Amino acid sequence: RGLFRPEERVELLRRCTQSLPNVEIDRSD
């Protein structure tokens, strides 16, 4: 049981990696 929901983690990662053009953020179960 995470602190953040998976969708929130995706958003946090996107904010942290926005300066890296070849990095894509996704989620999967």
mmCIF file of all heavy atoms, coordinates in Angstrom:
data_MODEL
# 
_entry.id   MODEL 
# 
loop_
_atom_site.group_PDB 
_atom_site.id 
_atom_site.type_symbol 
_atom_site.label_atom_id 
_atom_site.label_alt_id 
_atom_site.label_comp_id 
_atom_site.label_asym_id 
_atom_site.label_entity_id 
_atom_site.label_seq_id 
_atom_site.pdbx_PDB_ins_code 
_atom_site.Cartn_x 
_atom_site.Cartn_y 
_atom_site.Cartn_z 
_atom_site.occupancy 
_atom_site.B_iso_or_equiv 
_atom_site.pdbx_formal_charge 
_atom_site.auth_seq_id 
_atom_site.auth_comp_id 
_atom_site.auth_asym_id 
_atom_site.auth_atom_id 
_atom_site.pdbx_PDB_model_num 
ATOM 1   N N   . ARG A 1 1  ? 0.881  -1.175 0.000   1.00 0.00 ? 1  ARG A N   1 
ATOM 2   C CA  . ARG A 1 1  ? 0.000  0.000  0.000   1.00 0.00 ? 1  ARG A CA  1 
ATOM 3   C C   . ARG A 1 1  ? 0.909  1.212  0.000   1.00 0.00 ? 1  ARG A C   1 
ATOM 4   O O   . ARG A 1 1  ? 1.610  1.477  0.963   1.00 0.00 ? 1  ARG A O   1 
ATOM 5   C CB  . ARG A 1 1  ? -0.888 0.016  1.233   1.00 0.00 ? 1  ARG A CB  1 
ATOM 6   C CG  . ARG A 1 1  ? -1.797 1.240  1.252   1.00 0.00 ? 1  ARG A CG  1 
ATOM 7   C CD  . ARG A 1 1  ? -2.712 1.256  2.458   1.00 0.00 ? 1  ARG A CD  1 
ATOM 8   N NE  . ARG A 1 1  ? -3.523 2.444  2.413   1.00 0.00 ? 1  ARG A NE  1 
ATOM 9   C CZ  . ARG A 1 1  ? -3.396 3.457  3.271   1.00 0.00 ? 1  ARG A CZ  1 
ATOM 10  N NH1 . ARG A 1 1  ? -2.504 3.405  4.230   1.00 0.00 ? 1  ARG A NH1 1 
ATOM 11  N NH2 . ARG A 1 1  ? -4.171 4.503  3.170   1.00 0.00 ? 1  ARG A NH2 1 
ATOM 12  N N   . GLY A 1 2  ? 0.930  1.914  -1.091  1.00 0.00 ? 2  GLY A N   1 
ATOM 13  C CA  . GLY A 1 2  ? 1.849  3.028  -1.246  1.00 0.00 ? 2  GLY A CA  1 
ATOM 14  C C   . GLY A 1 2  ? 1.369  4.312  -0.592  1.00 0.00 ? 2  GLY A C   1 
ATOM 15  O O   . GLY A 1 2  ? 0.197  4.446  -0.240  1.00 0.00 ? 2  GLY A O   1 
ATOM 16  N N   . LEU A 1 3  ? 2.290  5.227  -0.446  1.00 0.00 ? 3  LEU A N   1 
ATOM 17  C CA  . LEU A 1 3  ? 1.953  6.569  0.023   1.00 0.00 ? 3  LEU A CA  1 
ATOM 18  C C   . LEU A 1 3  ? 1.173  7.294  -1.073  1.00 0.00 ? 3  LEU A C   1 
ATOM 19  O O   . LEU A 1 3  ? 0.164  7.929  -0.814  1.00 0.00 ? 3  LEU A O   1 
ATOM 20  C CB  . LEU A 1 3  ? 3.236  7.330  0.383   1.00 0.00 ? 3  LEU A CB  1 
ATOM 21  C CG  . LEU A 1 3  ? 3.060  8.759  0.887   1.00 0.00 ? 3  LEU A CG  1 
ATOM 22  C CD1 . LEU A 1 3  ? 2.254  8.784  2.186   1.00 0.00 ? 3  LEU A CD1 1 
ATOM 23  C CD2 . LEU A 1 3  ? 4.430  9.414  1.092   1.00 0.00 ? 3  LEU A CD2 1 
ATOM 24  N N   . PHE A 1 4  ? 1.658  7.170  -2.306  1.00 0.00 ? 4  PHE A N   1 
ATOM 25  C CA  . PHE A 1 4  ? 1.012  7.806  -3.458  1.00 0.00 ? 4  PHE A CA  1 
ATOM 26  C C   . PHE A 1 4  ? 0.339  6.746  -4.327  1.00 0.00 ? 4  PHE A C   1 
ATOM 27  O O   . PHE A 1 4  ? 0.856  5.642  -4.469  1.00 0.00 ? 4  PHE A O   1 
ATOM 28  C CB  . PHE A 1 4  ? 2.056  8.548  -4.312  1.00 0.00 ? 4  PHE A CB  1 
ATOM 29  C CG  . PHE A 1 4  ? 2.624  9.769  -3.662  1.00 0.00 ? 4  PHE A CG  1 
ATOM 30  C CD1 . PHE A 1 4  ? 3.803  9.700  -2.943  1.00 0.00 ? 4  PHE A CD1 1 
ATOM 31  C CD2 . PHE A 1 4  ? 1.981  10.990 -3.775  1.00 0.00 ? 4  PHE A CD2 1 
ATOM 32  C CE1 . PHE A 1 4  ? 4.335  10.824 -2.339  1.00 0.00 ? 4  PHE A CE1 1 
ATOM 33  C CE2 . PHE A 1 4  ? 2.502  12.117 -3.179  1.00 0.00 ? 4  PHE A CE2 1 
ATOM 34  C CZ  . PHE A 1 4  ? 3.682  12.034 -2.451  1.00 0.00 ? 4  PHE A CZ  1 
ATOM 35  N N   . ARG A 1 5  ? -0.776 7.100  -4.941  1.00 0.00 ? 5  ARG A N   1 
ATOM 36  C CA  . ARG A 1 5  ? -1.407 6.227  -5.916  1.00 0.00 ? 5  ARG A CA  1 
ATOM 37  C C   . ARG A 1 5  ? -0.497 6.155  -7.151  1.00 0.00 ? 5  ARG A C   1 
ATOM 38  O O   . ARG A 1 5  ? 0.266  7.094  -7.417  1.00 0.00 ? 5  ARG A O   1 
ATOM 39  C CB  . ARG A 1 5  ? -2.777 6.768  -6.320  1.00 0.00 ? 5  ARG A CB  1 
ATOM 40  C CG  . ARG A 1 5  ? -3.823 6.730  -5.204  1.00 0.00 ? 5  ARG A CG  1 
ATOM 41  C CD  . ARG A 1 5  ? -5.219 7.148  -5.652  1.00 0.00 ? 5  ARG A CD  1 
ATOM 42  N NE  . ARG A 1 5  ? -5.283 8.124  -6.724  1.00 0.00 ? 5  ARG A NE  1 
ATOM 43  C CZ  . ARG A 1 5  ? -5.223 9.467  -6.563  1.00 0.00 ? 5  ARG A CZ  1 
ATOM 44  N NH1 . ARG A 1 5  ? -5.111 9.989  -5.366  1.00 0.00 ? 5  ARG A NH1 1 
ATOM 45  N NH2 . ARG A 1 5  ? -5.297 10.267 -7.603  1.00 0.00 ? 5  ARG A NH2 1 
ATOM 46  N N   . PRO A 1 6  ? -0.558 5.082  -7.915  1.00 0.00 ? 6  PRO A N   1 
ATOM 47  C CA  . PRO A 1 6  ? 0.314  4.968  -9.099  1.00 0.00 ? 6  PRO A CA  1 
ATOM 48  C C   . PRO A 1 6  ? 0.216  6.168  -10.045 1.00 0.00 ? 6  PRO A C   1 
ATOM 49  O O   . PRO A 1 6  ? 1.240  6.626  -10.563 1.00 0.00 ? 6  PRO A O   1 
ATOM 50  C CB  . PRO A 1 6  ? -0.175 3.683  -9.774  1.00 0.00 ? 6  PRO A CB  1 
ATOM 51  C CG  . PRO A 1 6  ? -0.703 2.868  -8.639  1.00 0.00 ? 6  PRO A CG  1 
ATOM 52  C CD  . PRO A 1 6  ? -1.337 3.857  -7.693  1.00 0.00 ? 6  PRO A CD  1 
ATOM 53  N N   . GLU A 1 7  ? -0.985 6.698  -10.249 1.00 0.00 ? 7  GLU A N   1 
ATOM 54  C CA  . GLU A 1 7  ? -1.153 7.857  -11.139 1.00 0.00 ? 7  GLU A CA  1 
ATOM 55  C C   . GLU A 1 7  ? -0.406 9.072  -10.592 1.00 0.00 ? 7  GLU A C   1 
ATOM 56  O O   . GLU A 1 7  ? 0.142  9.866  -11.364 1.00 0.00 ? 7  GLU A O   1 
ATOM 57  C CB  . GLU A 1 7  ? -2.639 8.211  -11.300 1.00 0.00 ? 7  GLU A CB  1 
ATOM 58  C CG  . GLU A 1 7  ? -3.500 7.097  -11.836 1.00 0.00 ? 7  GLU A CG  1 
ATOM 59  C CD  . GLU A 1 7  ? -3.906 6.059  -10.780 1.00 0.00 ? 7  GLU A CD  1 
ATOM 60  O OE1 . GLU A 1 7  ? -3.866 6.333  -9.562  1.00 0.00 ? 7  GLU A OE1 1 
ATOM 61  O OE2 . GLU A 1 7  ? -4.251 4.941  -11.189 1.00 0.00 ? 7  GLU A OE2 1 
ATOM 62  N N   . GLU A 1 8  ? -0.392 9.220  -9.269  1.00 0.00 ? 8  GLU A N   1 
ATOM 63  C CA  . GLU A 1 8  ? 0.329  10.338 -8.659  1.00 0.00 ? 8  GLU A CA  1 
ATOM 64  C C   . GLU A 1 8  ? 1.834  10.161 -8.829  1.00 0.00 ? 8  GLU A C   1 
ATOM 65  O O   . GLU A 1 8  ? 2.556  11.126 -9.080  1.00 0.00 ? 8  GLU A O   1 
ATOM 66  C CB  . GLU A 1 8  ? -0.016 10.442 -7.174  1.00 0.00 ? 8  GLU A CB  1 
ATOM 67  C CG  . GLU A 1 8  ? -1.442 10.853 -6.900  1.00 0.00 ? 8  GLU A CG  1 
ATOM 68  C CD  . GLU A 1 8  ? -1.808 10.771 -5.429  1.00 0.00 ? 8  GLU A CD  1 
ATOM 69  O OE1 . GLU A 1 8  ? -1.510 9.735  -4.781  1.00 0.00 ? 8  GLU A OE1 1 
ATOM 70  O OE2 . GLU A 1 8  ? -2.377 11.760 -4.920  1.00 0.00 ? 8  GLU A OE2 1 
ATOM 71  N N   . ARG A 1 9  ? 2.319  8.938  -8.700  1.00 0.00 ? 9  ARG A N   1 
ATOM 72  C CA  . ARG A 1 9  ? 3.753  8.664  -8.875  1.00 0.00 ? 9  ARG A CA  1 
ATOM 73  C C   . ARG A 1 9  ? 4.186  8.996  -10.298 1.00 0.00 ? 9  ARG A C   1 
ATOM 74  O O   . ARG A 1 9  ? 5.280  9.531  -10.518 1.00 0.00 ? 9  ARG A O   1 
ATOM 75  C CB  . ARG A 1 9  ? 4.059  7.202  -8.568  1.00 0.00 ? 9  ARG A CB  1 
ATOM 76  C CG  . ARG A 1 9  ? 3.868  6.872  -7.120  1.00 0.00 ? 9  ARG A CG  1 
ATOM 77  C CD  . ARG A 1 9  ? 4.199  5.421  -6.879  1.00 0.00 ? 9  ARG A CD  1 
ATOM 78  N NE  . ARG A 1 9  ? 3.169  4.855  -6.024  1.00 0.00 ? 9  ARG A NE  1 
ATOM 79  C CZ  . ARG A 1 9  ? 2.973  3.580  -5.831  1.00 0.00 ? 9  ARG A CZ  1 
ATOM 80  N NH1 . ARG A 1 9  ? 3.728  2.689  -6.443  1.00 0.00 ? 9  ARG A NH1 1 
ATOM 81  N NH2 . ARG A 1 9  ? 2.024  3.157  -5.043  1.00 0.00 ? 9  ARG A NH2 1 
ATOM 82  N N   . VAL A 1 10 ? 3.330  8.659  -11.270 1.00 0.00 ? 10 VAL A N   1 
ATOM 83  C CA  . VAL A 1 10 ? 3.621  8.996  -12.664 1.00 0.00 ? 10 VAL A CA  1 
ATOM 84  C C   . VAL A 1 10 ? 3.773  10.506 -12.803 1.00 0.00 ? 10 VAL A C   1 
ATOM 85  O O   . VAL A 1 10 ? 4.725  10.995 -13.427 1.00 0.00 ? 10 VAL A O   1 
ATOM 86  C CB  . VAL A 1 10 ? 2.519  8.450  -13.603 1.00 0.00 ? 10 VAL A CB  1 
ATOM 87  C CG1 . VAL A 1 10 ? 2.608  9.073  -14.987 1.00 0.00 ? 10 VAL A CG1 1 
ATOM 88  C CG2 . VAL A 1 10 ? 2.599  6.934  -13.678 1.00 0.00 ? 10 VAL A CG2 1 
ATOM 89  N N   . GLU A 1 11 ? 2.865  11.252 -12.227 1.00 0.00 ? 11 GLU A N   1 
ATOM 90  C CA  . GLU A 1 11 ? 2.922  12.714 -12.322 1.00 0.00 ? 11 GLU A CA  1 
ATOM 91  C C   . GLU A 1 11 ? 4.178  13.267 -11.647 1.00 0.00 ? 11 GLU A C   1 
ATOM 92  O O   . GLU A 1 11 ? 4.837  14.165 -12.176 1.00 0.00 ? 11 GLU A O   1 
ATOM 93  C CB  . GLU A 1 11 ? 1.664  13.335 -11.712 1.00 0.00 ? 11 GLU A CB  1 
ATOM 94  C CG  . GLU A 1 11 ? 1.653  14.851 -11.736 1.00 0.00 ? 11 GLU A CG  1 
ATOM 95  C CD  . GLU A 1 11 ? 1.886  15.458 -13.109 1.00 0.00 ? 11 GLU A CD  1 
ATOM 96  O OE1 . GLU A 1 11 ? 1.450  14.879 -14.121 1.00 0.00 ? 11 GLU A OE1 1 
ATOM 97  O OE2 . GLU A 1 11 ? 2.536  16.524 -13.176 1.00 0.00 ? 11 GLU A OE2 1 
ATOM 98  N N   . LEU A 1 12 ? 4.525  12.748 -10.474 1.00 0.00 ? 12 LEU A N   1 
ATOM 99  C CA  . LEU A 1 12 ? 5.738  13.207 -9.787  1.00 0.00 ? 12 LEU A CA  1 
ATOM 100 C C   . LEU A 1 12 ? 6.974  12.925 -10.637 1.00 0.00 ? 12 LEU A C   1 
ATOM 101 O O   . LEU A 1 12 ? 7.866  13.776 -10.765 1.00 0.00 ? 12 LEU A O   1 
ATOM 102 C CB  . LEU A 1 12 ? 5.870  12.539 -8.416  1.00 0.00 ? 12 LEU A CB  1 
ATOM 103 C CG  . LEU A 1 12 ? 4.791  12.866 -7.387  1.00 0.00 ? 12 LEU A CG  1 
ATOM 104 C CD1 . LEU A 1 12 ? 4.989  12.050 -6.116  1.00 0.00 ? 12 LEU A CD1 1 
ATOM 105 C CD2 . LEU A 1 12 ? 4.754  14.355 -7.061  1.00 0.00 ? 12 LEU A CD2 1 
ATOM 106 N N   . LEU A 1 13 ? 7.037  11.746 -11.221 1.00 0.00 ? 13 LEU A N   1 
ATOM 107 C CA  . LEU A 1 13 ? 8.161  11.396 -12.089 1.00 0.00 ? 13 LEU A CA  1 
ATOM 108 C C   . LEU A 1 13 ? 8.230  12.302 -13.311 1.00 0.00 ? 13 LEU A C   1 
ATOM 109 O O   . LEU A 1 13 ? 9.317  12.729 -13.711 1.00 0.00 ? 13 LEU A O   1 
ATOM 110 C CB  . LEU A 1 13 ? 8.067  9.932  -12.533 1.00 0.00 ? 13 LEU A CB  1 
ATOM 111 C CG  . LEU A 1 13 ? 8.615  8.913  -11.554 1.00 0.00 ? 13 LEU A CG  1 
ATOM 112 C CD1 . LEU A 1 13 ? 8.041  7.531  -11.825 1.00 0.00 ? 13 LEU A CD1 1 
ATOM 113 C CD2 . LEU A 1 13 ? 10.134 8.881  -11.612 1.00 0.00 ? 13 LEU A CD2 1 
ATOM 114 N N   . ARG A 1 14 ? 7.092  12.608 -13.897 1.00 0.00 ? 14 ARG A N   1 
ATOM 115 C CA  . ARG A 1 14 ? 7.081  13.505 -15.067 1.00 0.00 ? 14 ARG A CA  1 
ATOM 116 C C   . ARG A 1 14 ? 7.659  14.870 -14.711 1.00 0.00 ? 14 ARG A C   1 
ATOM 117 O O   . ARG A 1 14 ? 8.430  15.445 -15.477 1.00 0.00 ? 14 ARG A O   1 
ATOM 118 C CB  . ARG A 1 14 ? 5.666  13.652 -15.625 1.00 0.00 ? 14 ARG A CB  1 
ATOM 119 C CG  . ARG A 1 14 ? 5.241  12.467 -16.426 1.00 0.00 ? 14 ARG A CG  1 
ATOM 120 C CD  . ARG A 1 14 ? 3.927  12.675 -17.159 1.00 0.00 ? 14 ARG A CD  1 
ATOM 121 N NE  . ARG A 1 14 ? 3.658  11.492 -17.964 1.00 0.00 ? 14 ARG A NE  1 
ATOM 122 C CZ  . ARG A 1 14 ? 2.508  10.854 -17.987 1.00 0.00 ? 14 ARG A CZ  1 
ATOM 123 N NH1 . ARG A 1 14 ? 1.481  11.290 -17.272 1.00 0.00 ? 14 ARG A NH1 1 
ATOM 124 N NH2 . ARG A 1 14 ? 2.363  9.789  -18.731 1.00 0.00 ? 14 ARG A NH2 1 
ATOM 125 N N   . ARG A 1 15 ? 7.286  15.382 -13.558 1.00 0.00 ? 15 ARG A N   1 
ATOM 126 C CA  . ARG A 1 15 ? 7.816  16.685 -13.136 1.00 0.00 ? 15 ARG A CA  1 
ATOM 127 C C   . ARG A 1 15 ? 9.322  16.642 -12.914 1.00 0.00 ? 15 ARG A C   1 
ATOM 128 O O   . ARG A 1 15 ? 10.025 17.595 -13.221 1.00 0.00 ? 15 ARG A O   1 
ATOM 129 C CB  . ARG A 1 15 ? 7.105  17.153 -11.867 1.00 0.00 ? 15 ARG A CB  1 
ATOM 130 C CG  . ARG A 1 15 ? 5.680  17.561 -12.173 1.00 0.00 ? 15 ARG A CG  1 
ATOM 131 C CD  . ARG A 1 15 ? 4.890  18.204 -11.070 1.00 0.00 ? 15 ARG A CD  1 
ATOM 132 N NE  . ARG A 1 15 ? 5.479  18.368 -9.790  1.00 0.00 ? 15 ARG A NE  1 
ATOM 133 C CZ  . ARG A 1 15 ? 4.867  18.071 -8.625  1.00 0.00 ? 15 ARG A CZ  1 
ATOM 134 N NH1 . ARG A 1 15 ? 3.655  17.570 -8.633  1.00 0.00 ? 15 ARG A NH1 1 
ATOM 135 N NH2 . ARG A 1 15 ? 5.463  18.285 -7.488  1.00 0.00 ? 15 ARG A NH2 1 
ATOM 136 N N   . CYS A 1 16 ? 9.810  15.525 -12.400 1.00 0.00 ? 16 CYS A N   1 
ATOM 137 C CA  . CYS A 1 16 ? 11.238 15.405 -12.089 1.00 0.00 ? 16 CYS A CA  1 
ATOM 138 C C   . CYS A 1 16 ? 12.106 15.128 -13.312 1.00 0.00 ? 16 CYS A C   1 
ATOM 139 O O   . CYS A 1 16 ? 13.316 15.327 -13.262 1.00 0.00 ? 16 CYS A O   1 
ATOM 140 C CB  . CYS A 1 16 ? 11.465 14.294 -11.074 1.00 0.00 ? 16 CYS A CB  1 
ATOM 141 S SG  . CYS A 1 16 ? 10.725 14.600 -9.473  1.00 0.00 ? 16 CYS A SG  1 
ATOM 142 N N   . THR A 1 17 ? 11.510 14.639 -14.397 1.00 0.00 ? 17 THR A N   1 
ATOM 143 C CA  . THR A 1 17 ? 12.288 14.244 -15.576 1.00 0.00 ? 17 THR A CA  1 
ATOM 144 C C   . THR A 1 17 ? 11.971 15.084 -16.812 1.00 0.00 ? 17 THR A C   1 
ATOM 145 O O   . THR A 1 17 ? 12.433 14.740 -17.904 1.00 0.00 ? 17 THR A O   1 
ATOM 146 C CB  . THR A 1 17 ? 12.045 12.755 -15.911 1.00 0.00 ? 17 THR A CB  1 
ATOM 147 O OG1 . THR A 1 17 ? 10.651 12.559 -16.193 1.00 0.00 ? 17 THR A OG1 1 
ATOM 148 C CG2 . THR A 1 17 ? 12.486 11.853 -14.772 1.00 0.00 ? 17 THR A CG2 1 
ATOM 149 N N   . GLN A 1 18 ? 11.239 16.165 -16.646 1.00 0.00 ? 18 GLN A N   1 
ATOM 150 C CA  . GLN A 1 18 ? 10.818 16.932 -17.814 1.00 0.00 ? 18 GLN A CA  1 
ATOM 151 C C   . GLN A 1 18 ? 11.983 17.500 -18.626 1.00 0.00 ? 18 GLN A C   1 
ATOM 152 O O   . GLN A 1 18 ? 11.829 17.770 -19.812 1.00 0.00 ? 18 GLN A O   1 
ATOM 153 C CB  . GLN A 1 18 ? 9.849  18.036 -17.421 1.00 0.00 ? 18 GLN A CB  1 
ATOM 154 C CG  . GLN A 1 18 ? 10.401 19.080 -16.498 1.00 0.00 ? 18 GLN A CG  1 
ATOM 155 C CD  . GLN A 1 18 ? 9.320  20.041 -16.037 1.00 0.00 ? 18 GLN A CD  1 
ATOM 156 O OE1 . GLN A 1 18 ? 8.194  20.023 -16.528 1.00 0.00 ? 18 GLN A OE1 1 
ATOM 157 N NE2 . GLN A 1 18 ? 9.665  20.891 -15.088 1.00 0.00 ? 18 GLN A NE2 1 
ATOM 158 N N   . SER A 1 19 ? 13.158 17.625 -18.032 1.00 0.00 ? 19 SER A N   1 
ATOM 159 C CA  . SER A 1 19 ? 14.312 18.143 -18.766 1.00 0.00 ? 19 SER A CA  1 
ATOM 160 C C   . SER A 1 19 ? 15.060 17.046 -19.535 1.00 0.00 ? 19 SER A C   1 
ATOM 161 O O   . SER A 1 19 ? 16.054 17.327 -20.206 1.00 0.00 ? 19 SER A O   1 
ATOM 162 C CB  . SER A 1 19 ? 15.280 18.837 -17.808 1.00 0.00 ? 19 SER A CB  1 
ATOM 163 O OG  . SER A 1 19 ? 15.846 17.883 -16.915 1.00 0.00 ? 19 SER A OG  1 
ATOM 164 N N   . LEU A 1 20 ? 14.584 15.812 -19.452 1.00 0.00 ? 20 LEU A N   1 
ATOM 165 C CA  . LEU A 1 20 ? 15.236 14.689 -20.131 1.00 0.00 ? 20 LEU A CA  1 
ATOM 166 C C   . LEU A 1 20 ? 14.365 14.250 -21.311 1.00 0.00 ? 20 LEU A C   1 
ATOM 167 O O   . LEU A 1 20 ? 13.402 13.501 -21.129 1.00 0.00 ? 20 LEU A O   1 
ATOM 168 C CB  . LEU A 1 20 ? 15.437 13.526 -19.155 1.00 0.00 ? 20 LEU A CB  1 
ATOM 169 C CG  . LEU A 1 20 ? 16.256 13.858 -17.897 1.00 0.00 ? 20 LEU A CG  1 
ATOM 170 C CD1 . LEU A 1 20 ? 16.193 12.723 -16.889 1.00 0.00 ? 20 LEU A CD1 1 
ATOM 171 C CD2 . LEU A 1 20 ? 17.689 14.185 -18.265 1.00 0.00 ? 20 LEU A CD2 1 
ATOM 172 N N   . PRO A 1 21 ? 14.672 14.719 -22.518 1.00 0.00 ? 21 PRO A N   1 
ATOM 173 C CA  . PRO A 1 21 ? 13.772 14.517 -23.656 1.00 0.00 ? 21 PRO A CA  1 
ATOM 174 C C   . PRO A 1 21 ? 13.552 13.071 -24.077 1.00 0.00 ? 21 PRO A C   1 
ATOM 175 O O   . PRO A 1 21 ? 12.518 12.761 -24.668 1.00 0.00 ? 21 PRO A O   1 
ATOM 176 C CB  . PRO A 1 21 ? 14.431 15.314 -24.787 1.00 0.00 ? 21 PRO A CB  1 
ATOM 177 C CG  . PRO A 1 21 ? 15.849 15.481 -24.379 1.00 0.00 ? 21 PRO A CG  1 
ATOM 178 C CD  . PRO A 1 21 ? 15.879 15.459 -22.887 1.00 0.00 ? 21 PRO A CD  1 
ATOM 179 N N   . ASN A 1 22 ? 14.474 12.180 -23.787 1.00 0.00 ? 22 ASN A N   1 
ATOM 180 C CA  . ASN A 1 22 ? 14.297 10.792 -24.221 1.00 0.00 ? 22 ASN A CA  1 
ATOM 181 C C   . ASN A 1 22 ? 13.754 9.893  -23.107 1.00 0.00 ? 22 ASN A C   1 
ATOM 182 O O   . ASN A 1 22 ? 13.745 8.676  -23.237 1.00 0.00 ? 22 ASN A O   1 
ATOM 183 C CB  . ASN A 1 22 ? 15.609 10.216 -24.764 1.00 0.00 ? 22 ASN A CB  1 
ATOM 184 C CG  . ASN A 1 22 ? 16.669 10.091 -23.695 1.00 0.00 ? 22 ASN A CG  1 
ATOM 185 O OD1 . ASN A 1 22 ? 16.759 10.901 -22.773 1.00 0.00 ? 22 ASN A OD1 1 
ATOM 186 N ND2 . ASN A 1 22 ? 17.500 9.074  -23.818 1.00 0.00 ? 22 ASN A ND2 1 
ATOM 187 N N   . VAL A 1 23 ? 13.280 10.509 -22.031 1.00 0.00 ? 23 VAL A N   1 
ATOM 188 C CA  . VAL A 1 23 ? 12.700 9.747  -20.927 1.00 0.00 ? 23 VAL A CA  1 
ATOM 189 C C   . VAL A 1 23 ? 11.184 9.850  -20.990 1.00 0.00 ? 23 VAL A C   1 
ATOM 190 O O   . VAL A 1 23 ? 10.622 10.943 -21.072 1.00 0.00 ? 23 VAL A O   1 
ATOM 191 C CB  . VAL A 1 23 ? 13.230 10.247 -19.558 1.00 0.00 ? 23 VAL A CB  1 
ATOM 192 C CG1 . VAL A 1 23 ? 12.488 9.579  -18.410 1.00 0.00 ? 23 VAL A CG1 1 
ATOM 193 C CG2 . VAL A 1 23 ? 14.728 9.989  -19.457 1.00 0.00 ? 23 VAL A CG2 1 
ATOM 194 N N   . GLU A 1 24 ? 10.549 8.703  -20.961 1.00 0.00 ? 24 GLU A N   1 
ATOM 195 C CA  . GLU A 1 24 ? 9.084  8.611  -20.976 1.00 0.00 ? 24 GLU A CA  1 
ATOM 196 C C   . GLU A 1 24 ? 8.642  7.964  -19.668 1.00 0.00 ? 24 GLU A C   1 
ATOM 197 O O   . GLU A 1 24 ? 9.283  7.035  -19.188 1.00 0.00 ? 24 GLU A O   1 
ATOM 198 C CB  . GLU A 1 24 ? 8.668  7.742  -22.164 1.00 0.00 ? 24 GLU A CB  1 
ATOM 199 C CG  . GLU A 1 24 ? 7.200  7.455  -22.250 1.00 0.00 ? 24 GLU A CG  1 
ATOM 200 C CD  . GLU A 1 24 ? 6.883  6.441  -23.354 1.00 0.00 ? 24 GLU A CD  1 
ATOM 201 O OE1 . GLU A 1 24 ? 7.651  6.327  -24.327 1.00 0.00 ? 24 GLU A OE1 1 
ATOM 202 O OE2 . GLU A 1 24 ? 5.854  5.749  -23.211 1.00 0.00 ? 24 GLU A OE2 1 
ATOM 203 N N   . ILE A 1 25 ? 7.554  8.441  -19.105 1.00 0.00 ? 25 ILE A N   1 
ATOM 204 C CA  . ILE A 1 25 ? 7.022  7.882  -17.861 1.00 0.00 ? 25 ILE A CA  1 
ATOM 205 C C   . ILE A 1 25 ? 5.747  7.114  -18.190 1.00 0.00 ? 25 ILE A C   1 
ATOM 206 O O   . ILE A 1 25 ? 4.897  7.589  -18.938 1.00 0.00 ? 25 ILE A O   1 
ATOM 207 C CB  . ILE A 1 25 ? 6.722  8.990  -16.828 1.00 0.00 ? 25 ILE A CB  1 
ATOM 208 C CG1 . ILE A 1 25 ? 7.911  9.945  -16.652 1.00 0.00 ? 25 ILE A CG1 1 
ATOM 209 C CG2 . ILE A 1 25 ? 6.282  8.374  -15.501 1.00 0.00 ? 25 ILE A CG2 1 
ATOM 210 C CD1 . ILE A 1 25 ? 9.192  9.291  -16.204 1.00 0.00 ? 25 ILE A CD1 1 
ATOM 211 N N   . ASP A 1 26 ? 5.624  5.932  -17.607 1.00 0.00 ? 26 ASP A N   1 
ATOM 212 C CA  . ASP A 1 26 ? 4.464  5.089  -17.851 1.00 0.00 ? 26 ASP A CA  1 
ATOM 213 C C   . ASP A 1 26 ? 4.157  4.331  -16.560 1.00 0.00 ? 26 ASP A C   1 
ATOM 214 O O   . ASP A 1 26 ? 4.877  4.455  -15.574 1.00 0.00 ? 26 ASP A O   1 
ATOM 215 C CB  . ASP A 1 26 ? 4.777  4.109  -18.989 1.00 0.00 ? 26 ASP A CB  1 
ATOM 216 C CG  . ASP A 1 26 ? 3.540  3.461  -19.605 1.00 0.00 ? 26 ASP A CG  1 
ATOM 217 O OD1 . ASP A 1 26 ? 2.403  3.857  -19.258 1.00 0.00 ? 26 ASP A OD1 1 
ATOM 218 O OD2 . ASP A 1 26 ? 3.721  2.542  -20.431 1.00 0.00 ? 26 ASP A OD2 1 
ATOM 219 N N   . ARG A 1 27 ? 3.084  3.561  -16.571 1.00 0.00 ? 27 ARG A N   1 
ATOM 220 C CA  . ARG A 1 27 ? 2.766  2.692  -15.440 1.00 0.00 ? 27 ARG A CA  1 
ATOM 221 C C   . ARG A 1 27 ? 2.211  1.388  -15.975 1.00 0.00 ? 27 ARG A C   1 
ATOM 222 O O   . ARG A 1 27 ? 1.671  1.337  -17.084 1.00 0.00 ? 27 ARG A O   1 
ATOM 223 C CB  . ARG A 1 27 ? 1.796  3.350  -14.476 1.00 0.00 ? 27 ARG A CB  1 
ATOM 224 C CG  . ARG A 1 27 ? 0.393  3.523  -15.011 1.00 0.00 ? 27 ARG A CG  1 
ATOM 225 C CD  . ARG A 1 27 ? -0.530 4.081  -13.948 1.00 0.00 ? 27 ARG A CD  1 
ATOM 226 N NE  . ARG A 1 27 ? -0.911 3.052  -13.007 1.00 0.00 ? 27 ARG A NE  1 
ATOM 227 C CZ  . ARG A 1 27 ? -2.127 2.545  -12.898 1.00 0.00 ? 27 ARG A CZ  1 
ATOM 228 N NH1 . ARG A 1 27 ? -3.098 2.996  -13.656 1.00 0.00 ? 27 ARG A NH1 1 
ATOM 229 N NH2 . ARG A 1 27 ? -2.398 1.604  -12.037 1.00 0.00 ? 27 ARG A NH2 1 
ATOM 230 N N   . SER A 1 28 ? 2.347  0.333  -15.167 1.00 0.00 ? 28 SER A N   1 
ATOM 231 C CA  . SER A 1 28 ? 1.855  -0.967 -15.597 1.00 0.00 ? 28 SER A CA  1 
ATOM 232 C C   . SER A 1 28 ? 1.568  -1.837 -14.386 1.00 0.00 ? 28 SER A C   1 
ATOM 233 O O   . SER A 1 28 ? 2.247  -1.738 -13.365 1.00 0.00 ? 28 SER A O   1 
ATOM 234 C CB  . SER A 1 28 ? 2.899  -1.663 -16.479 1.00 0.00 ? 28 SER A CB  1 
ATOM 235 O OG  . SER A 1 28 ? 2.445  -2.949 -16.840 1.00 0.00 ? 28 SER A OG  1 
ATOM 236 N N   . ASP A 1 29 ? 0.570  -2.697 -14.549 1.00 0.00 ? 29 ASP A N   1 
ATOM 237 C CA  . ASP A 1 29 ? 0.294  -3.686 -13.509 1.00 0.00 ? 29 ASP A CA  1 
ATOM 238 C C   . ASP A 1 29 ? 0.500  -5.106 -14.058 1.00 0.00 ? 29 ASP A C   1 
ATOM 239 O O   . ASP A 1 29 ? 0.071  -6.078 -13.467 1.00 0.00 ? 29 ASP A O   1 
ATOM 240 C CB  . ASP A 1 29 ? -1.113 -3.515 -12.936 1.00 0.00 ? 29 ASP A CB  1 
ATOM 241 C CG  . ASP A 1 29 ? -2.196 -3.594 -13.979 1.00 0.00 ? 29 ASP A CG  1 
ATOM 242 O OD1 . ASP A 1 29 ? -1.897 -3.823 -15.169 1.00 0.00 ? 29 ASP A OD1 1 
ATOM 243 O OD2 . ASP A 1 29 ? -3.368 -3.424 -13.609 1.00 0.00 ? 29 ASP A OD2 1 
# 
